[in-house]
Full PDB file with SEQRES, HELIX, SHEET, SSBOND, CRYST1, ORIGX, SCALE, CONECT and MASTER records, all heavy atoms in Angstrom:
SEQRES   1 A   30  SER SER MET ILE GLU VAL SER LYS TYR LEU LYS GLU ASN          
SEQRES   2 A   30  GLY ALA ASN LYS VAL TYR LEU VAL SER THR PHE ALA LEU          
SEQRES   3 A   30  LEU THR GLU GLY                                              
HELIX    1 AA1 SER A    2  GLU A   12  1                                  11    
CRYST1    1.000    1.000    1.000  90.00  90.00  90.00 P 1           1          
ORIGX1      1.000000  0.000000  0.000000        0.00000                         
ORIGX2      0.000000  1.000000  0.000000        0.00000                         
ORIGX3      0.000000  0.000000  1.000000        0.00000                         
SCALE1      1.000000  0.000000  0.000000        0.00000                         
SCALE2      0.000000  1.000000  0.000000        0.00000                         
SCALE3      0.000000  0.000000  1.000000        0.00000                         
ATOM      1  N   SER A   1       0.830  -1.213   0.000  1.00  0.00           N  
ATOM      2  CA  SER A   1       0.000   0.000   0.000  1.00  0.00           C  
ATOM      3  C   SER A   1       0.865   1.265   0.000  1.00  0.00           C  
ATOM      4  O   SER A   1       0.601   2.209  -0.760  1.00  0.00           O  
ATOM      5  CB  SER A   1      -0.923   0.008   1.220  1.00  0.00           C  
ATOM      6  OG  SER A   1      -1.819  -1.083   1.178  1.00  0.00           O  
ATOM      7  N   SER A   2       1.900   1.290   0.839  1.00  0.00           N  
ATOM      8  CA  SER A   2       2.761   2.477   0.924  1.00  0.00           C  
ATOM      9  C   SER A   2       3.482   2.730  -0.392  1.00  0.00           C  
ATOM     10  O   SER A   2       3.565   3.867  -0.863  1.00  0.00           O  
ATOM     11  CB  SER A   2       3.785   2.316   2.047  1.00  0.00           C  
ATOM     12  OG  SER A   2       3.154   2.358   3.307  1.00  0.00           O  
ATOM     13  N   MET A   3       4.029   1.674  -0.988  1.00  0.00           N  
ATOM     14  CA  MET A   3       4.748   1.816  -2.251  1.00  0.00           C  
ATOM     15  C   MET A   3       3.843   2.375  -3.346  1.00  0.00           C  
ATOM     16  O   MET A   3       4.250   3.244  -4.128  1.00  0.00           O  
ATOM     17  CB  MET A   3       5.315   0.464  -2.699  1.00  0.00           C  
ATOM     18  CG  MET A   3       6.629   0.104  -2.041  1.00  0.00           C  
ATOM     19  SD  MET A   3       7.986   1.142  -2.613  1.00  0.00           S  
ATOM     20  CE  MET A   3       9.390   0.093  -2.362  1.00  0.00           C  
ATOM     21  N   ILE A   4       2.621   1.893  -3.391  1.00  0.00           N  
ATOM     22  CA  ILE A   4       1.692   2.355  -4.426  1.00  0.00           C  
ATOM     23  C   ILE A   4       1.281   3.801  -4.173  1.00  0.00           C  
ATOM     24  O   ILE A   4       1.180   4.611  -5.113  1.00  0.00           O  
ATOM     25  CB  ILE A   4       0.464   1.422  -4.495  1.00  0.00           C  
ATOM     26  CG1 ILE A   4       0.894   0.064  -5.071  1.00  0.00           C  
ATOM     27  CG2 ILE A   4      -0.643   2.035  -5.344  1.00  0.00           C  
ATOM     28  CD1 ILE A   4      -0.163  -0.991  -5.028  1.00  0.00           C  
ATOM     29  N   GLU A   5       1.059   4.164  -2.907  1.00  0.00           N  
ATOM     30  CA  GLU A   5       0.717   5.557  -2.591  1.00  0.00           C  
ATOM     31  C   GLU A   5       1.863   6.495  -2.946  1.00  0.00           C  
ATOM     32  O   GLU A   5       1.650   7.595  -3.468  1.00  0.00           O  
ATOM     33  CB  GLU A   5       0.366   5.679  -1.110  1.00  0.00           C  
ATOM     34  CG  GLU A   5      -0.986   5.074  -0.751  1.00  0.00           C  
ATOM     35  CD  GLU A   5      -1.279   5.168   0.738  1.00  0.00           C  
ATOM     36  OE1 GLU A   5      -0.712   6.063   1.385  1.00  0.00           O  
ATOM     37  OE2 GLU A   5      -2.058   4.344   1.244  1.00  0.00           O  
ATOM     38  N   VAL A   6       3.092   6.067  -2.652  1.00  0.00           N  
ATOM     39  CA  VAL A   6       4.270   6.855  -3.004  1.00  0.00           C  
ATOM     40  C   VAL A   6       4.368   7.005  -4.519  1.00  0.00           C  
ATOM     41  O   VAL A   6       4.615   8.095  -5.046  1.00  0.00           O  
ATOM     42  CB  VAL A   6       5.545   6.189  -2.433  1.00  0.00           C  
ATOM     43  CG1 VAL A   6       6.793   6.723  -3.115  1.00  0.00           C  
ATOM     44  CG2 VAL A   6       5.630   6.404  -0.928  1.00  0.00           C  
ATOM     45  N   SER A   7       4.155   5.906  -5.243  1.00  0.00           N  
ATOM     46  CA  SER A   7       4.217   5.935  -6.707  1.00  0.00           C  
ATOM     47  C   SER A   7       3.157   6.877  -7.278  1.00  0.00           C  
ATOM     48  O   SER A   7       3.426   7.630  -8.225  1.00  0.00           O  
ATOM     49  CB  SER A   7       4.003   4.528  -7.274  1.00  0.00           C  
ATOM     50  OG  SER A   7       4.975   3.641  -6.794  1.00  0.00           O  
ATOM     51  N   LYS A   8       1.971   6.841  -6.691  1.00  0.00           N  
ATOM     52  CA  LYS A   8       0.890   7.712  -7.154  1.00  0.00           C  
ATOM     53  C   LYS A   8       1.271   9.176  -6.984  1.00  0.00           C  
ATOM     54  O   LYS A   8       1.064  10.005  -7.890  1.00  0.00           O  
ATOM     55  CB  LYS A   8      -0.390   7.397  -6.384  1.00  0.00           C  
ATOM     56  CG  LYS A   8      -1.603   8.195  -6.852  1.00  0.00           C  
ATOM     57  CD  LYS A   8      -2.853   7.788  -6.080  1.00  0.00           C  
ATOM     58  CE  LYS A   8      -4.057   8.582  -6.573  1.00  0.00           C  
ATOM     59  NZ  LYS A   8      -5.294   8.209  -5.829  1.00  0.00           N  
ATOM     60  N   TYR A   9       1.840   9.511  -5.839  1.00  0.00           N  
ATOM     61  CA  TYR A   9       2.274  10.892  -5.592  1.00  0.00           C  
ATOM     62  C   TYR A   9       3.311  11.310  -6.632  1.00  0.00           C  
ATOM     63  O   TYR A   9       3.241  12.408  -7.200  1.00  0.00           O  
ATOM     64  CB  TYR A   9       2.865  11.014  -4.184  1.00  0.00           C  
ATOM     65  CG  TYR A   9       3.471  12.374  -3.898  1.00  0.00           C  
ATOM     66  CD1 TYR A   9       2.733  13.383  -3.278  1.00  0.00           C  
ATOM     67  CD2 TYR A   9       4.794  12.668  -4.269  1.00  0.00           C  
ATOM     68  CE1 TYR A   9       3.287  14.629  -3.040  1.00  0.00           C  
ATOM     69  CE2 TYR A   9       5.354  13.914  -4.033  1.00  0.00           C  
ATOM     70  CZ  TYR A   9       4.598  14.887  -3.424  1.00  0.00           C  
ATOM     71  OH  TYR A   9       5.151  16.138  -3.195  1.00  0.00           O  
ATOM     72  N   LEU A  10       4.288  10.438  -6.884  1.00  0.00           N  
ATOM     73  CA  LEU A  10       5.360  10.758  -7.824  1.00  0.00           C  
ATOM     74  C   LEU A  10       4.814  10.988  -9.227  1.00  0.00           C  
ATOM     75  O   LEU A  10       5.196  11.942  -9.911  1.00  0.00           O  
ATOM     76  CB  LEU A  10       6.402   9.640  -7.833  1.00  0.00           C  
ATOM     77  CG  LEU A  10       7.185   9.442  -6.527  1.00  0.00           C  
ATOM     78  CD1 LEU A  10       7.999   8.156  -6.580  1.00  0.00           C  
ATOM     79  CD2 LEU A  10       8.088  10.641  -6.256  1.00  0.00           C  
ATOM     80  N   LYS A  11       3.909  10.127  -9.677  1.00  0.00           N  
ATOM     81  CA  LYS A  11       3.323  10.271 -11.012  1.00  0.00           C  
ATOM     82  C   LYS A  11       2.477  11.537 -11.116  1.00  0.00           C  
ATOM     83  O   LYS A  11       2.529  12.266 -12.116  1.00  0.00           O  
ATOM     84  CB  LYS A  11       2.477   9.040 -11.341  1.00  0.00           C  
ATOM     85  CG  LYS A  11       3.271   7.789 -11.657  1.00  0.00           C  
ATOM     86  CD  LYS A  11       3.901   7.855 -13.046  1.00  0.00           C  
ATOM     87  CE  LYS A  11       4.500   6.521 -13.451  1.00  0.00           C  
ATOM     88  NZ  LYS A  11       5.015   6.512 -14.828  1.00  0.00           N  
ATOM     89  N   GLU A  12       1.702  11.811 -10.061  1.00  0.00           N  
ATOM     90  CA  GLU A  12       0.841  13.004 -10.069  1.00  0.00           C  
ATOM     91  C   GLU A  12       1.656  14.288 -10.074  1.00  0.00           C  
ATOM     92  O   GLU A  12       1.159  15.337 -10.483  1.00  0.00           O  
ATOM     93  CB  GLU A  12      -0.100  12.977  -8.862  1.00  0.00           C  
ATOM     94  CG  GLU A  12      -1.212  11.943  -8.974  1.00  0.00           C  
ATOM     95  CD  GLU A  12      -2.084  11.889  -7.740  1.00  0.00           C  
ATOM     96  OE1 GLU A  12      -1.666  12.488  -6.697  1.00  0.00           O  
ATOM     97  OE2 GLU A  12      -3.147  11.250  -7.776  1.00  0.00           O  
ATOM     98  N   ASN A  13       2.919  14.189  -9.611  1.00  0.00           N  
ATOM     99  CA  ASN A  13       3.779  15.373  -9.563  1.00  0.00           C  
ATOM    100  C   ASN A  13       4.809  15.392 -10.688  1.00  0.00           C  
ATOM    101  O   ASN A  13       5.841  16.056 -10.588  1.00  0.00           O  
ATOM    102  CB  ASN A  13       4.464  15.471  -8.208  1.00  0.00           C  
ATOM    103  CG  ASN A  13       3.528  15.964  -7.120  1.00  0.00           C  
ATOM    104  OD1 ASN A  13       3.392  17.156  -6.888  1.00  0.00           O  
ATOM    105  ND2 ASN A  13       2.849  15.033  -6.457  1.00  0.00           N  
ATOM    106  N   GLY A  14       4.499  14.664 -11.757  1.00  0.00           N  
ATOM    107  CA  GLY A  14       5.276  14.805 -12.988  1.00  0.00           C  
ATOM    108  C   GLY A  14       6.413  13.839 -13.204  1.00  0.00           C  
ATOM    109  O   GLY A  14       7.194  14.008 -14.149  1.00  0.00           O  
ATOM    110  N   ALA A  15       6.556  12.820 -12.359  1.00  0.00           N  
ATOM    111  CA  ALA A  15       7.628  11.838 -12.576  1.00  0.00           C  
ATOM    112  C   ALA A  15       7.401  11.114 -13.891  1.00  0.00           C  
ATOM    113  O   ALA A  15       6.264  10.865 -14.306  1.00  0.00           O  
ATOM    114  CB  ALA A  15       7.670  10.840 -11.427  1.00  0.00           C  
ATOM    115  N   ASN A  16       8.491  10.778 -14.556  1.00  0.00           N  
ATOM    116  CA  ASN A  16       8.408  10.076 -15.836  1.00  0.00           C  
ATOM    117  C   ASN A  16       8.121   8.599 -15.591  1.00  0.00           C  
ATOM    118  O   ASN A  16       6.983   8.167 -15.613  1.00  0.00           O  
ATOM    119  CB  ASN A  16       9.699  10.281 -16.636  1.00  0.00           C  
ATOM    120  CG  ASN A  16       9.647   9.627 -18.001  1.00  0.00           C  
ATOM    121  OD1 ASN A  16       8.573   9.396 -18.541  1.00  0.00           O  
ATOM    122  ND2 ASN A  16      10.806   9.319 -18.549  1.00  0.00           N  
ATOM    123  N   LYS A  17       9.162   7.811 -15.305  1.00  0.00           N  
ATOM    124  CA  LYS A  17       8.975   6.402 -14.979  1.00  0.00           C  
ATOM    125  C   LYS A  17       9.269   6.160 -13.500  1.00  0.00           C  
ATOM    126  O   LYS A  17      10.122   6.832 -12.918  1.00  0.00           O  
ATOM    127  CB  LYS A  17       9.885   5.525 -15.837  1.00  0.00           C  
ATOM    128  CG  LYS A  17       9.498   5.529 -17.311  1.00  0.00           C  
ATOM    129  CD  LYS A  17      10.254   4.478 -18.087  1.00  0.00           C  
ATOM    130  CE  LYS A  17       9.741   4.406 -19.520  1.00  0.00           C  
ATOM    131  NZ  LYS A  17      10.436   3.351 -20.299  1.00  0.00           N  
ATOM    132  N   VAL A  18       8.563   5.203 -12.918  1.00  0.00           N  
ATOM    133  CA  VAL A  18       8.752   4.859 -11.509  1.00  0.00           C  
ATOM    134  C   VAL A  18       9.090   3.377 -11.408  1.00  0.00           C  
ATOM    135  O   VAL A  18       8.298   2.514 -11.800  1.00  0.00           O  
ATOM    136  CB  VAL A  18       7.495   5.167 -10.671  1.00  0.00           C  
ATOM    137  CG1 VAL A  18       7.676   4.664  -9.240  1.00  0.00           C  
ATOM    138  CG2 VAL A  18       7.201   6.657 -10.670  1.00  0.00           C  
ATOM    139  N   TYR A  19      10.303   3.096 -10.908  1.00  0.00           N  
ATOM    140  CA  TYR A  19      10.754   1.722 -10.707  1.00  0.00           C  
ATOM    141  C   TYR A  19      10.777   1.423  -9.210  1.00  0.00           C  
ATOM    142  O   TYR A  19      11.453   2.107  -8.445  1.00  0.00           O  
ATOM    143  CB  TYR A  19      12.159   1.524 -11.278  1.00  0.00           C  
ATOM    144  CG  TYR A  19      12.300   1.933 -12.719  1.00  0.00           C  
ATOM    145  CD1 TYR A  19      13.143   2.986 -13.091  1.00  0.00           C  
ATOM    146  CD2 TYR A  19      11.586   1.279 -13.732  1.00  0.00           C  
ATOM    147  CE1 TYR A  19      13.276   3.369 -14.412  1.00  0.00           C  
ATOM    148  CE2 TYR A  19      11.715   1.660 -15.055  1.00  0.00           C  
ATOM    149  CZ  TYR A  19      12.558   2.705 -15.393  1.00  0.00           C  
ATOM    150  OH  TYR A  19      12.686   3.077 -16.707  1.00  0.00           O  
ATOM    151  N   LEU A  20      10.046   0.393  -8.793  1.00  0.00           N  
ATOM    152  CA  LEU A  20      10.035  -0.029  -7.404  1.00  0.00           C  
ATOM    153  C   LEU A  20      11.101  -1.112  -7.222  1.00  0.00           C  
ATOM    154  O   LEU A  20      11.193  -2.042  -8.035  1.00  0.00           O  
ATOM    155  CB  LEU A  20       8.663  -0.574  -7.017  1.00  0.00           C  
ATOM    156  CG  LEU A  20       7.461   0.325  -7.335  1.00  0.00           C  
ATOM    157  CD1 LEU A  20       6.160  -0.346  -6.886  1.00  0.00           C  
ATOM    158  CD2 LEU A  20       7.613   1.687  -6.682  1.00  0.00           C  
ATOM    159  N   VAL A  21      11.906  -0.997  -6.177  1.00  0.00           N  
ATOM    160  CA  VAL A  21      13.003  -1.932  -5.926  1.00  0.00           C  
ATOM    161  C   VAL A  21      12.898  -2.460  -4.497  1.00  0.00           C  
ATOM    162  O   VAL A  21      12.797  -1.677  -3.547  1.00  0.00           O  
ATOM    163  CB  VAL A  21      14.372  -1.250  -6.133  1.00  0.00           C  
ATOM    164  CG1 VAL A  21      15.502  -2.173  -5.693  1.00  0.00           C  
ATOM    165  CG2 VAL A  21      14.555  -0.849  -7.593  1.00  0.00           C  
ATOM    166  N   SER A  22      12.916  -3.788  -4.354  1.00  0.00           N  
ATOM    167  CA  SER A  22      12.810  -4.384  -3.029  1.00  0.00           C  
ATOM    168  C   SER A  22      13.479  -5.747  -3.029  1.00  0.00           C  
ATOM    169  O   SER A  22      13.331  -6.522  -3.984  1.00  0.00           O  
ATOM    170  CB  SER A  22      11.343  -4.527  -2.626  1.00  0.00           C  
ATOM    171  OG  SER A  22      11.222  -5.205  -1.402  1.00  0.00           O  
ATOM    172  N   THR A  23      14.224  -6.059  -1.967  1.00  0.00           N  
ATOM    173  CA  THR A  23      14.856  -7.375  -1.858  1.00  0.00           C  
ATOM    174  C   THR A  23      13.810  -8.472  -1.757  1.00  0.00           C  
ATOM    175  O   THR A  23      13.923  -9.526  -2.388  1.00  0.00           O  
ATOM    176  CB  THR A  23      15.774  -7.428  -0.624  1.00  0.00           C  
ATOM    177  OG1 THR A  23      16.724  -6.362  -0.710  1.00  0.00           O  
ATOM    178  CG2 THR A  23      16.519  -8.752  -0.548  1.00  0.00           C  
ATOM    179  N   PHE A  24      12.764  -8.216  -0.967  1.00  0.00           N  
ATOM    180  CA  PHE A  24      11.711  -9.210  -0.756  1.00  0.00           C  
ATOM    181  C   PHE A  24      10.362  -8.631  -1.176  1.00  0.00           C  
ATOM    182  O   PHE A  24       9.867  -7.706  -0.547  1.00  0.00           O  
ATOM    183  CB  PHE A  24      11.658  -9.633   0.713  1.00  0.00           C  
ATOM    184  CG  PHE A  24      12.956 -10.166   1.243  1.00  0.00           C  
ATOM    185  CD1 PHE A  24      13.734  -9.405   2.103  1.00  0.00           C  
ATOM    186  CD2 PHE A  24      13.414 -11.422   0.883  1.00  0.00           C  
ATOM    187  CE1 PHE A  24      14.934  -9.884   2.592  1.00  0.00           C  
ATOM    188  CE2 PHE A  24      14.613 -11.915   1.366  1.00  0.00           C  
ATOM    189  CZ  PHE A  24      15.380 -11.138   2.219  1.00  0.00           C  
ATOM    190  N   ALA A  25       9.795  -9.184  -2.233  1.00  0.00           N  
ATOM    191  CA  ALA A  25       8.461  -8.771  -2.681  1.00  0.00           C  
ATOM    192  C   ALA A  25       7.442  -9.755  -2.106  1.00  0.00           C  
ATOM    193  O   ALA A  25       7.058 -10.733  -2.752  1.00  0.00           O  
ATOM    194  CB  ALA A  25       8.386  -8.740  -4.198  1.00  0.00           C  
ATOM    195  N   LEU A  26       7.035  -9.519  -0.861  1.00  0.00           N  
ATOM    196  CA  LEU A  26       6.120 -10.442  -0.186  1.00  0.00           C  
ATOM    197  C   LEU A  26       4.707 -10.342  -0.749  1.00  0.00           C  
ATOM    198  O   LEU A  26       4.013 -11.344  -0.872  1.00  0.00           O  
ATOM    199  CB  LEU A  26       6.118 -10.164   1.320  1.00  0.00           C  
ATOM    200  CG  LEU A  26       7.490 -10.190   2.007  1.00  0.00           C  
ATOM    201  CD1 LEU A  26       7.334  -9.937   3.506  1.00  0.00           C  
ATOM    202  CD2 LEU A  26       8.227 -11.492   1.764  1.00  0.00           C  
ATOM    203  N   LEU A  27       4.269  -9.122  -1.048  1.00  0.00           N  
ATOM    204  CA  LEU A  27       2.937  -8.872  -1.624  1.00  0.00           C  
ATOM    205  C   LEU A  27       1.874  -9.676  -0.867  1.00  0.00           C  
ATOM    206  O   LEU A  27       1.177 -10.523  -1.427  1.00  0.00           O  
ATOM    207  CB  LEU A  27       2.904  -9.208  -3.114  1.00  0.00           C  
ATOM    208  CG  LEU A  27       3.985  -8.558  -4.002  1.00  0.00           C  
ATOM    209  CD1 LEU A  27       3.666  -8.761  -5.472  1.00  0.00           C  
ATOM    210  CD2 LEU A  27       4.163  -7.097  -3.697  1.00  0.00           C  
ATOM    211  N   THR A  28       1.759  -9.387   0.411  1.00  0.00           N  
ATOM    212  CA  THR A  28       0.932 -10.197   1.313  1.00  0.00           C  
ATOM    213  C   THR A  28      -0.565 -10.129   1.015  1.00  0.00           C  
ATOM    214  O   THR A  28      -1.317 -10.961   1.518  1.00  0.00           O  
ATOM    215  CB  THR A  28       1.163  -9.763   2.777  1.00  0.00           C  
ATOM    216  OG1 THR A  28       0.923  -8.351   2.895  1.00  0.00           O  
ATOM    217  CG2 THR A  28       2.589 -10.070   3.198  1.00  0.00           C  
ATOM    218  N   GLU A  29      -0.989  -9.168   0.214  1.00  0.00           N  
ATOM    219  CA  GLU A  29      -2.407  -9.089  -0.148  1.00  0.00           C  
ATOM    220  C   GLU A  29      -2.654  -9.545  -1.581  1.00  0.00           C  
ATOM    221  O   GLU A  29      -3.695  -9.266  -2.170  1.00  0.00           O  
ATOM    222  CB  GLU A  29      -2.917  -7.657   0.061  1.00  0.00           C  
ATOM    223  CG  GLU A  29      -2.924  -7.242   1.525  1.00  0.00           C  
ATOM    224  CD  GLU A  29      -3.467  -5.841   1.745  1.00  0.00           C  
ATOM    225  OE1 GLU A  29      -3.940  -5.224   0.766  1.00  0.00           O  
ATOM    226  OE2 GLU A  29      -3.426  -5.362   2.895  1.00  0.00           O  
ATOM    227  N   GLY A  30      -1.672 -10.256  -2.150  1.00  0.00           N  
ATOM    228  CA  GLY A  30      -1.819 -10.793  -3.497  1.00  0.00           C  
ATOM    229  C   GLY A  30      -1.420  -9.800  -4.573  1.00  0.00           C  
ATOM    230  O   GLY A  30      -1.092  -8.644  -4.293  1.00  0.00           O  
TER     231      GLY A  30                                                      
MASTER        0    0    0    1    0    0    0    6  230    1    0    3          
END                                                                             
């Protein structure tokens, strides 16, 4: 949820591409 909210803010404020980087992608909600 936090990563997606952060990404949304970045895109809404003019970011070009957004790459998420994480050692462990648990994705506990599927």
